[in-house]
Amino acid sequence: MKRSFPRAVRRFQKGAVAVEAAICMALILTPLLLFILLFGRFFWHYTVVQKAMHDATLYMAGAPLFELKTNAAAALANDILAKETADLDKTTKLEPWTSCGYKVSPSSYYLVFGSCDRSVPPAAVQTNIIMTLPDPFRFVKTGTGKVKFVLTATMTYAGT
């Protein structure tokens, strides 16, 4: 029986499969790792802003009515948001605003949200944020290279 390859040629092919597998795995795992890191960053930003927004809304839900009417509560809620999101990088843009929800009629469950400068107490308070993040790899096809998240937190007004 005759061998198909001489012994010297087979000796140089030892480990070739391991090298090919390492190259293929690097080409597959690198984009996957970038994808995981990018979306991990998105979710970290989302979680930080969501927690800050919850704290700001919680403050507004217990603020006295005269603070709501004079927008002092909204200013303090914006300060809470700014301090809790100070760790985010400077490429993250936040656009917060607050509003109060008033019942359409005394027996209605529906709320109309608007400014908080009315003399009657609101049924609920709401904090909204538009968070804009850069998309360096253009995963989301918006054409602008940015990803926008809209976050909303609503709580029943408990202040007096």
N, C-alpha and C. Protein backbone atom coordinates (compact mmCIF):
# COMPACT_ATOMS: atom_id res chain seq x y z
N MET A 1 0.83 -1.17 0.00
CA MET A 1 0.00 0.00 0.00
C MET A 1 0.88 1.24 0.00
N LYS A 2 0.57 2.13 -0.86
CA LYS A 2 1.37 3.31 -1.04
C LYS A 2 0.73 4.50 -0.32
N ARG A 3 1.54 5.26 0.37
CA ARG A 3 1.02 6.44 1.08
C ARG A 3 0.78 7.57 0.09
N SER A 4 -0.30 8.39 0.38
CA SER A 4 -0.63 9.47 -0.54
C SER A 4 0.27 10.69 -0.36
N PHE A 5 0.73 10.95 0.86
CA PHE A 5 1.64 12.07 1.11
C PHE A 5 2.90 11.55 1.77
N PRO A 6 4.00 12.12 1.39
CA PRO A 6 5.23 11.74 2.09
C PRO A 6 5.17 12.19 3.54
N ARG A 7 5.89 11.55 4.37
CA ARG A 7 5.89 11.82 5.80
C ARG A 7 6.31 13.27 6.10
N ALA A 8 7.20 13.86 5.38
CA ALA A 8 7.68 15.22 5.62
C ALA A 8 6.57 16.25 5.37
N VAL A 9 5.73 16.03 4.36
CA VAL A 9 4.65 16.97 4.04
C VAL A 9 3.58 16.93 5.14
N ARG A 10 3.25 15.74 5.62
CA ARG A 10 2.24 15.63 6.67
C ARG A 10 2.70 16.29 7.97
N ARG A 11 3.98 16.26 8.22
CA ARG A 11 4.51 16.85 9.44
C ARG A 11 4.27 18.37 9.46
N PHE A 12 4.33 19.04 8.31
CA PHE A 12 4.14 20.49 8.25
C PHE A 12 2.67 20.89 8.33
N GLN A 13 1.75 19.96 8.19
CA GLN A 13 0.32 20.28 8.26
C GLN A 13 -0.26 20.09 9.64
N LYS A 14 0.52 19.63 10.57
CA LYS A 14 0.02 19.46 11.93
C LYS A 14 -0.32 20.82 12.53
N GLY A 15 -1.53 20.97 13.07
CA GLY A 15 -1.95 22.22 13.68
C GLY A 15 -2.57 23.21 12.72
N ALA A 16 -2.68 22.88 11.44
CA ALA A 16 -3.27 23.79 10.46
C ALA A 16 -4.75 24.04 10.75
N VAL A 17 -5.45 23.02 11.19
CA VAL A 17 -6.87 23.17 11.51
C VAL A 17 -7.06 24.11 12.70
N ALA A 18 -6.17 24.01 13.68
CA ALA A 18 -6.27 24.89 14.84
C ALA A 18 -6.03 26.35 14.45
N VAL A 19 -5.10 26.60 13.56
CA VAL A 19 -4.84 27.97 13.11
C VAL A 19 -6.03 28.51 12.33
N GLU A 20 -6.59 27.69 11.43
CA GLU A 20 -7.76 28.12 10.66
C GLU A 20 -8.96 28.39 11.58
N ALA A 21 -9.15 27.55 12.57
CA ALA A 21 -10.24 27.75 13.52
C ALA A 21 -10.05 29.03 14.32
N ALA A 22 -8.82 29.32 14.73
CA ALA A 22 -8.56 30.55 15.48
C ALA A 22 -8.84 31.78 14.64
N ILE A 23 -8.46 31.75 13.37
CA ILE A 23 -8.72 32.91 12.49
C ILE A 23 -10.22 33.07 12.27
N CYS A 24 -10.93 31.99 12.01
CA CYS A 24 -12.38 32.07 11.79
C CYS A 24 -13.11 32.53 13.05
N MET A 25 -12.70 32.03 14.18
CA MET A 25 -13.35 32.44 15.44
C MET A 25 -13.11 33.92 15.71
N ALA A 26 -11.92 34.42 15.41
CA ALA A 26 -11.65 35.85 15.61
C ALA A 26 -12.51 36.69 14.69
N LEU A 27 -12.71 36.25 13.45
CA LEU A 27 -13.54 37.00 12.52
C LEU A 27 -15.02 36.96 12.90
N ILE A 28 -15.44 35.92 13.57
CA ILE A 28 -16.83 35.81 13.99
C ILE A 28 -17.07 36.51 15.32
N LEU A 29 -16.16 36.36 16.26
CA LEU A 29 -16.37 36.88 17.61
C LEU A 29 -16.14 38.39 17.73
N THR A 30 -15.31 38.97 16.90
CA THR A 30 -15.04 40.41 16.99
C THR A 30 -16.30 41.24 16.72
N PRO A 31 -17.05 41.02 15.62
CA PRO A 31 -18.29 41.79 15.45
C PRO A 31 -19.32 41.49 16.53
N LEU A 32 -19.37 40.25 16.98
CA LEU A 32 -20.31 39.90 18.04
C LEU A 32 -19.98 40.64 19.33
N LEU A 33 -18.71 40.74 19.66
CA LEU A 33 -18.29 41.46 20.86
C LEU A 33 -18.60 42.95 20.73
N LEU A 34 -18.38 43.54 19.55
CA LEU A 34 -18.71 44.95 19.34
C LEU A 34 -20.22 45.18 19.48
N PHE A 35 -21.01 44.28 18.96
CA PHE A 35 -22.46 44.36 19.07
C PHE A 35 -22.90 44.31 20.53
N ILE A 36 -22.32 43.39 21.30
CA ILE A 36 -22.66 43.26 22.72
C ILE A 36 -22.25 44.50 23.49
N LEU A 37 -21.07 45.04 23.22
CA LEU A 37 -20.62 46.24 23.93
C LEU A 37 -21.47 47.46 23.60
N LEU A 38 -21.84 47.62 22.34
CA LEU A 38 -22.65 48.77 21.95
C LEU A 38 -24.03 48.72 22.61
N PHE A 39 -24.69 47.58 22.54
CA PHE A 39 -26.02 47.50 23.14
C PHE A 39 -25.96 47.47 24.66
N GLY A 40 -24.87 46.98 25.22
CA GLY A 40 -24.67 47.09 26.66
C GLY A 40 -24.58 48.54 27.09
N ARG A 41 -23.89 49.34 26.27
CA ARG A 41 -23.78 50.79 26.55
C ARG A 41 -25.15 51.45 26.46
N PHE A 42 -25.95 51.10 25.43
CA PHE A 42 -27.30 51.65 25.30
C PHE A 42 -28.13 51.32 26.53
N PHE A 43 -28.11 50.09 26.97
CA PHE A 43 -28.93 49.69 28.10
C PHE A 43 -28.43 50.27 29.41
N TRP A 44 -27.13 50.47 29.54
CA TRP A 44 -26.61 51.11 30.75
C TRP A 44 -27.10 52.55 30.81
N HIS A 45 -27.00 53.29 29.70
CA HIS A 45 -27.50 54.66 29.66
C HIS A 45 -29.01 54.69 29.95
N TYR A 46 -29.74 53.78 29.34
CA TYR A 46 -31.19 53.73 29.53
C TYR A 46 -31.53 53.50 31.00
N THR A 47 -30.82 52.59 31.66
CA THR A 47 -31.09 52.29 33.06
C THR A 47 -30.77 53.47 33.97
N VAL A 48 -29.66 54.14 33.72
CA VAL A 48 -29.28 55.30 34.54
C VAL A 48 -30.32 56.41 34.40
N VAL A 49 -30.72 56.70 33.16
CA VAL A 49 -31.71 57.77 32.94
C VAL A 49 -33.07 57.37 33.49
N GLN A 50 -33.44 56.11 33.37
CA GLN A 50 -34.72 55.65 33.91
C GLN A 50 -34.77 55.80 35.43
N LYS A 51 -33.70 55.45 36.11
CA LYS A 51 -33.65 55.59 37.57
C LYS A 51 -33.70 57.06 37.98
N ALA A 52 -32.96 57.91 37.28
CA ALA A 52 -32.98 59.35 37.58
C ALA A 52 -34.36 59.93 37.34
N MET A 53 -35.00 59.51 36.26
CA MET A 53 -36.33 60.01 35.95
C MET A 53 -37.34 59.54 37.00
N HIS A 54 -37.21 58.32 37.47
CA HIS A 54 -38.09 57.81 38.53
C HIS A 54 -37.93 58.64 39.81
N ASP A 55 -36.68 58.96 40.18
CA ASP A 55 -36.45 59.76 41.38
C ASP A 55 -37.02 61.17 41.24
N ALA A 56 -36.87 61.76 40.06
CA ALA A 56 -37.42 63.11 39.83
C ALA A 56 -38.94 63.09 39.89
N THR A 57 -39.56 62.08 39.31
CA THR A 57 -41.02 61.99 39.34
C THR A 57 -41.52 61.70 40.75
N LEU A 58 -40.77 60.89 41.48
CA LEU A 58 -41.14 60.61 42.87
C LEU A 58 -41.11 61.88 43.72
N TYR A 59 -40.12 62.74 43.47
CA TYR A 59 -40.08 64.02 44.19
C TYR A 59 -41.29 64.86 43.82
N MET A 60 -41.57 64.96 42.52
CA MET A 60 -42.70 65.80 42.09
C MET A 60 -44.03 65.27 42.60
N ALA A 61 -44.15 63.95 42.77
CA ALA A 61 -45.41 63.38 43.25
C ALA A 61 -45.70 63.76 44.69
N GLY A 62 -44.68 64.10 45.47
CA GLY A 62 -44.90 64.49 46.86
C GLY A 62 -44.67 65.96 47.13
N ALA A 63 -44.37 66.73 46.10
CA ALA A 63 -44.10 68.16 46.29
C ALA A 63 -45.39 68.91 46.62
N PRO A 64 -45.29 69.96 47.42
CA PRO A 64 -46.48 70.78 47.71
C PRO A 64 -47.02 71.45 46.45
N LEU A 65 -48.30 71.76 46.46
CA LEU A 65 -48.96 72.32 45.29
C LEU A 65 -48.37 73.66 44.89
N PHE A 66 -47.99 74.50 45.87
CA PHE A 66 -47.44 75.82 45.49
C PHE A 66 -46.10 75.67 44.78
N GLU A 67 -45.33 74.59 45.07
CA GLU A 67 -44.08 74.37 44.33
C GLU A 67 -44.36 73.93 42.89
N LEU A 68 -45.43 73.15 42.71
CA LEU A 68 -45.79 72.77 41.34
C LEU A 68 -46.25 73.98 40.53
N LYS A 69 -47.05 74.85 41.17
CA LYS A 69 -47.58 76.02 40.45
C LYS A 69 -46.48 77.00 40.07
N THR A 70 -45.46 77.13 40.89
CA THR A 70 -44.39 78.10 40.60
C THR A 70 -43.23 77.48 39.81
N ASN A 71 -43.37 76.23 39.40
CA ASN A 71 -42.33 75.49 38.66
C ASN A 71 -41.06 75.27 39.46
N ALA A 72 -41.11 75.46 40.77
CA ALA A 72 -39.94 75.17 41.60
C ALA A 72 -39.71 73.66 41.67
N ALA A 73 -40.78 72.88 41.68
CA ALA A 73 -40.65 71.43 41.71
C ALA A 73 -40.05 70.91 40.40
N ALA A 74 -40.45 71.50 39.28
CA ALA A 74 -39.88 71.09 37.99
C ALA A 74 -38.40 71.43 37.91
N ALA A 75 -38.02 72.59 38.46
CA ALA A 75 -36.60 72.96 38.46
C ALA A 75 -35.78 72.01 39.32
N LEU A 76 -36.32 71.65 40.48
CA LEU A 76 -35.62 70.71 41.35
C LEU A 76 -35.58 69.31 40.73
N ALA A 77 -36.64 68.91 40.04
CA ALA A 77 -36.65 67.62 39.35
C ALA A 77 -35.59 67.60 38.25
N ASN A 78 -35.42 68.71 37.54
CA ASN A 78 -34.37 68.79 36.52
C ASN A 78 -32.98 68.74 37.16
N ASP A 79 -32.84 69.33 38.35
CA ASP A 79 -31.56 69.23 39.07
C ASP A 79 -31.27 67.78 39.48
N ILE A 80 -32.30 67.07 39.93
CA ILE A 80 -32.13 65.66 40.29
C ILE A 80 -31.68 64.87 39.06
N LEU A 81 -32.31 65.12 37.93
CA LEU A 81 -31.92 64.44 36.69
C LEU A 81 -30.48 64.76 36.31
N ALA A 82 -30.11 66.02 36.42
CA ALA A 82 -28.75 66.42 36.03
C ALA A 82 -27.69 65.79 36.93
N LYS A 83 -27.95 65.74 38.22
CA LYS A 83 -26.96 65.16 39.14
C LYS A 83 -26.84 63.65 38.99
N GLU A 84 -27.96 62.97 38.78
CA GLU A 84 -27.91 61.51 38.68
C GLU A 84 -27.40 61.03 37.32
N THR A 85 -27.46 61.87 36.32
CA THR A 85 -26.96 61.49 35.00
C THR A 85 -25.62 62.15 34.68
N ALA A 86 -24.95 62.69 35.68
CA ALA A 86 -23.67 63.37 35.45
C ALA A 86 -22.58 62.39 35.02
N ASP A 87 -22.71 61.10 35.36
CA ASP A 87 -21.70 60.12 34.99
C ASP A 87 -21.75 59.71 33.53
N LEU A 88 -22.83 60.01 32.84
CA LEU A 88 -22.93 59.64 31.43
C LEU A 88 -21.96 60.48 30.61
N ASP A 89 -21.53 59.93 29.49
CA ASP A 89 -20.58 60.69 28.66
C ASP A 89 -21.26 61.88 28.00
N LYS A 90 -20.45 62.79 27.51
CA LYS A 90 -20.97 64.07 26.99
C LYS A 90 -21.66 63.93 25.63
N THR A 91 -21.54 62.77 24.98
CA THR A 91 -22.21 62.59 23.70
C THR A 91 -23.69 62.24 23.87
N THR A 92 -24.10 61.93 25.09
CA THR A 92 -25.50 61.62 25.38
C THR A 92 -26.26 62.92 25.61
N LYS A 93 -27.29 63.12 24.83
CA LYS A 93 -28.08 64.36 24.94
C LYS A 93 -29.42 64.03 25.59
N LEU A 94 -29.77 64.78 26.63
CA LEU A 94 -31.03 64.58 27.35
C LEU A 94 -31.91 65.81 27.20
N GLU A 95 -33.17 65.59 26.89
CA GLU A 95 -34.15 66.68 26.78
C GLU A 95 -35.32 66.37 27.72
N PRO A 96 -35.25 66.82 28.99
CA PRO A 96 -36.33 66.51 29.92
C PRO A 96 -37.43 67.57 29.94
N TRP A 97 -38.64 67.15 30.29
CA TRP A 97 -39.72 68.08 30.59
C TRP A 97 -40.70 67.38 31.53
N THR A 98 -41.42 68.19 32.29
CA THR A 98 -42.37 67.67 33.26
C THR A 98 -43.76 68.20 32.94
N SER A 99 -44.77 67.45 33.35
CA SER A 99 -46.15 67.88 33.14
C SER A 99 -47.03 67.28 34.23
N CYS A 100 -48.22 67.84 34.36
CA CYS A 100 -49.18 67.38 35.35
C CYS A 100 -50.42 66.87 34.62
N GLY A 101 -51.02 65.82 35.17
CA GLY A 101 -52.21 65.24 34.56
C GLY A 101 -53.45 65.58 35.36
N TYR A 102 -54.45 66.08 34.67
CA TYR A 102 -55.71 66.47 35.30
C TYR A 102 -56.83 65.61 34.72
N LYS A 103 -57.78 65.23 35.57
CA LYS A 103 -58.90 64.41 35.12
C LYS A 103 -59.80 65.20 34.17
N VAL A 104 -60.34 64.50 33.18
CA VAL A 104 -61.25 65.13 32.23
C VAL A 104 -62.55 65.50 32.93
N SER A 105 -63.05 64.60 33.76
CA SER A 105 -64.23 64.88 34.59
C SER A 105 -63.99 64.19 35.93
N PRO A 106 -64.72 64.57 36.97
CA PRO A 106 -64.47 63.98 38.29
C PRO A 106 -64.62 62.46 38.34
N SER A 107 -65.46 61.88 37.50
CA SER A 107 -65.66 60.43 37.52
C SER A 107 -64.85 59.70 36.45
N SER A 108 -64.04 60.42 35.72
CA SER A 108 -63.29 59.84 34.60
C SER A 108 -61.94 59.28 35.06
N TYR A 109 -61.47 58.28 34.34
CA TYR A 109 -60.14 57.74 34.57
C TYR A 109 -59.10 58.36 33.64
N TYR A 110 -59.56 59.09 32.63
CA TYR A 110 -58.67 59.67 31.64
C TYR A 110 -58.03 60.95 32.15
N LEU A 111 -56.78 61.13 31.81
CA LEU A 111 -56.04 62.32 32.22
C LEU A 111 -55.58 63.10 31.00
N VAL A 112 -55.57 64.41 31.17
CA VAL A 112 -55.02 65.31 30.15
C VAL A 112 -53.78 65.95 30.77
N PHE A 113 -52.63 65.77 30.11
CA PHE A 113 -51.38 66.30 30.66
C PHE A 113 -51.09 67.66 30.06
N GLY A 114 -50.63 68.55 30.94
CA GLY A 114 -50.29 69.91 30.52
C GLY A 114 -49.41 70.55 31.58
N SER A 115 -49.42 71.87 31.60
CA SER A 115 -48.58 72.58 32.56
C SER A 115 -49.15 72.42 33.97
N CYS A 116 -48.29 72.65 34.94
CA CYS A 116 -48.66 72.43 36.35
C CYS A 116 -49.08 73.72 37.04
N ASP A 117 -49.40 74.78 36.32
CA ASP A 117 -49.66 76.07 36.95
C ASP A 117 -51.14 76.29 37.28
N ARG A 118 -51.94 75.24 37.38
CA ARG A 118 -53.35 75.40 37.75
C ARG A 118 -53.48 75.45 39.26
N SER A 119 -54.62 75.95 39.73
CA SER A 119 -54.83 76.08 41.18
C SER A 119 -55.33 74.79 41.82
N VAL A 120 -55.83 73.85 41.02
CA VAL A 120 -56.31 72.57 41.57
C VAL A 120 -55.16 71.57 41.55
N PRO A 121 -55.15 70.65 42.51
CA PRO A 121 -54.07 69.66 42.50
C PRO A 121 -54.24 68.68 41.34
N PRO A 122 -53.14 68.28 40.73
CA PRO A 122 -53.24 67.32 39.62
C PRO A 122 -53.52 65.91 40.14
N ALA A 123 -54.00 65.06 39.26
CA ALA A 123 -54.21 63.67 39.63
C ALA A 123 -52.91 62.88 39.51
N ALA A 124 -52.01 63.32 38.61
CA ALA A 124 -50.75 62.61 38.41
C ALA A 124 -49.69 63.61 37.93
N VAL A 125 -48.44 63.25 38.13
CA VAL A 125 -47.32 64.02 37.59
C VAL A 125 -46.53 63.11 36.67
N GLN A 126 -45.89 63.73 35.69
CA GLN A 126 -45.18 62.95 34.68
C GLN A 126 -43.87 63.62 34.33
N THR A 127 -42.83 62.80 34.16
CA THR A 127 -41.54 63.28 33.68
C THR A 127 -41.22 62.55 32.39
N ASN A 128 -40.83 63.29 31.37
CA ASN A 128 -40.49 62.72 30.07
C ASN A 128 -39.06 63.12 29.71
N ILE A 129 -38.37 62.23 29.03
CA ILE A 129 -37.01 62.53 28.56
C ILE A 129 -36.84 61.94 27.18
N ILE A 130 -36.27 62.73 26.29
CA ILE A 130 -35.79 62.21 25.01
C ILE A 130 -34.28 62.08 25.15
N MET A 131 -33.79 60.85 25.08
CA MET A 131 -32.36 60.58 25.21
C MET A 131 -31.80 60.23 23.84
N THR A 132 -30.78 60.97 23.40
CA THR A 132 -30.16 60.75 22.11
C THR A 132 -28.74 60.25 22.32
N LEU A 133 -28.43 59.09 21.75
CA LEU A 133 -27.11 58.48 21.85
C LEU A 133 -26.49 58.36 20.46
N PRO A 134 -25.17 58.50 20.35
CA PRO A 134 -24.54 58.28 19.05
C PRO A 134 -24.51 56.78 18.72
N ASP A 135 -24.63 56.46 17.45
CA ASP A 135 -24.57 55.07 16.97
C ASP A 135 -23.34 54.94 16.09
N PRO A 136 -22.19 54.59 16.66
CA PRO A 136 -20.94 54.62 15.89
C PRO A 136 -20.88 53.57 14.78
N PHE A 137 -21.61 52.47 14.90
CA PHE A 137 -21.53 51.41 13.89
C PHE A 137 -22.72 51.40 12.96
N ARG A 138 -23.63 52.35 13.11
CA ARG A 138 -24.82 52.48 12.28
C ARG A 138 -25.66 51.21 12.27
N PHE A 139 -25.86 50.63 13.48
CA PHE A 139 -26.71 49.46 13.60
C PHE A 139 -28.17 49.82 13.37
N VAL A 140 -28.58 50.97 13.87
CA VAL A 140 -29.96 51.41 13.71
C VAL A 140 -30.01 52.32 12.50
N LYS A 141 -30.82 51.99 11.53
CA LYS A 141 -30.86 52.70 10.25
C LYS A 141 -31.75 53.94 10.32
N THR A 142 -31.27 55.00 10.99
CA THR A 142 -32.04 56.24 11.06
C THR A 142 -31.51 57.27 10.08
N GLY A 143 -30.31 57.08 9.57
CA GLY A 143 -29.73 58.04 8.65
C GLY A 143 -28.99 59.17 9.34
N THR A 144 -29.16 59.31 10.65
CA THR A 144 -28.51 60.41 11.37
C THR A 144 -27.30 59.95 12.17
N GLY A 145 -27.15 58.65 12.35
CA GLY A 145 -26.06 58.15 13.18
C GLY A 145 -26.35 58.30 14.66
N LYS A 146 -27.62 58.49 15.00
CA LYS A 146 -28.01 58.65 16.40
C LYS A 146 -29.21 57.77 16.69
N VAL A 147 -29.32 57.37 17.95
CA VAL A 147 -30.44 56.55 18.40
C VAL A 147 -31.19 57.36 19.45
N LYS A 148 -32.51 57.45 19.30
CA LYS A 148 -33.33 58.20 20.26
C LYS A 148 -34.20 57.24 21.06
N PHE A 149 -34.21 57.46 22.37
CA PHE A 149 -35.09 56.74 23.28
C PHE A 149 -36.01 57.77 23.92
N VAL A 150 -37.28 57.44 24.05
CA VAL A 150 -38.24 58.29 24.74
C VAL A 150 -38.66 57.57 26.01
N LEU A 151 -38.37 58.18 27.16
CA LEU A 151 -38.69 57.57 28.45
C LEU A 151 -39.75 58.41 29.14
N THR A 152 -40.69 57.74 29.79
CA THR A 152 -41.78 58.41 30.49
C THR A 152 -42.00 57.74 31.84
N ALA A 153 -42.16 58.55 32.88
CA ALA A 153 -42.52 58.04 34.20
C ALA A 153 -43.71 58.85 34.71
N THR A 154 -44.75 58.16 35.14
CA THR A 154 -45.98 58.79 35.62
C THR A 154 -46.28 58.24 37.01
N MET A 155 -46.60 59.14 37.93
CA MET A 155 -46.98 58.74 39.29
C MET A 155 -48.18 59.55 39.75
N THR A 156 -48.96 58.94 40.62
CA THR A 156 -50.11 59.60 41.20
C THR A 156 -49.63 60.72 42.13
N TYR A 157 -50.24 61.87 42.04
CA TYR A 157 -49.85 63.00 42.86
C TYR A 157 -50.36 62.79 44.28
N ALA A 158 -49.45 62.87 45.25
CA ALA A 158 -49.81 62.64 46.65
C ALA A 158 -49.59 63.88 47.49
N GLY A 159 -49.11 64.96 46.89
CA GLY A 159 -48.84 66.18 47.65
C GLY A 159 -50.12 66.88 48.05
N THR A 160 -49.94 67.91 48.85
CA THR A 160 -51.10 68.67 49.30
C THR A 160 -50.96 70.12 48.91
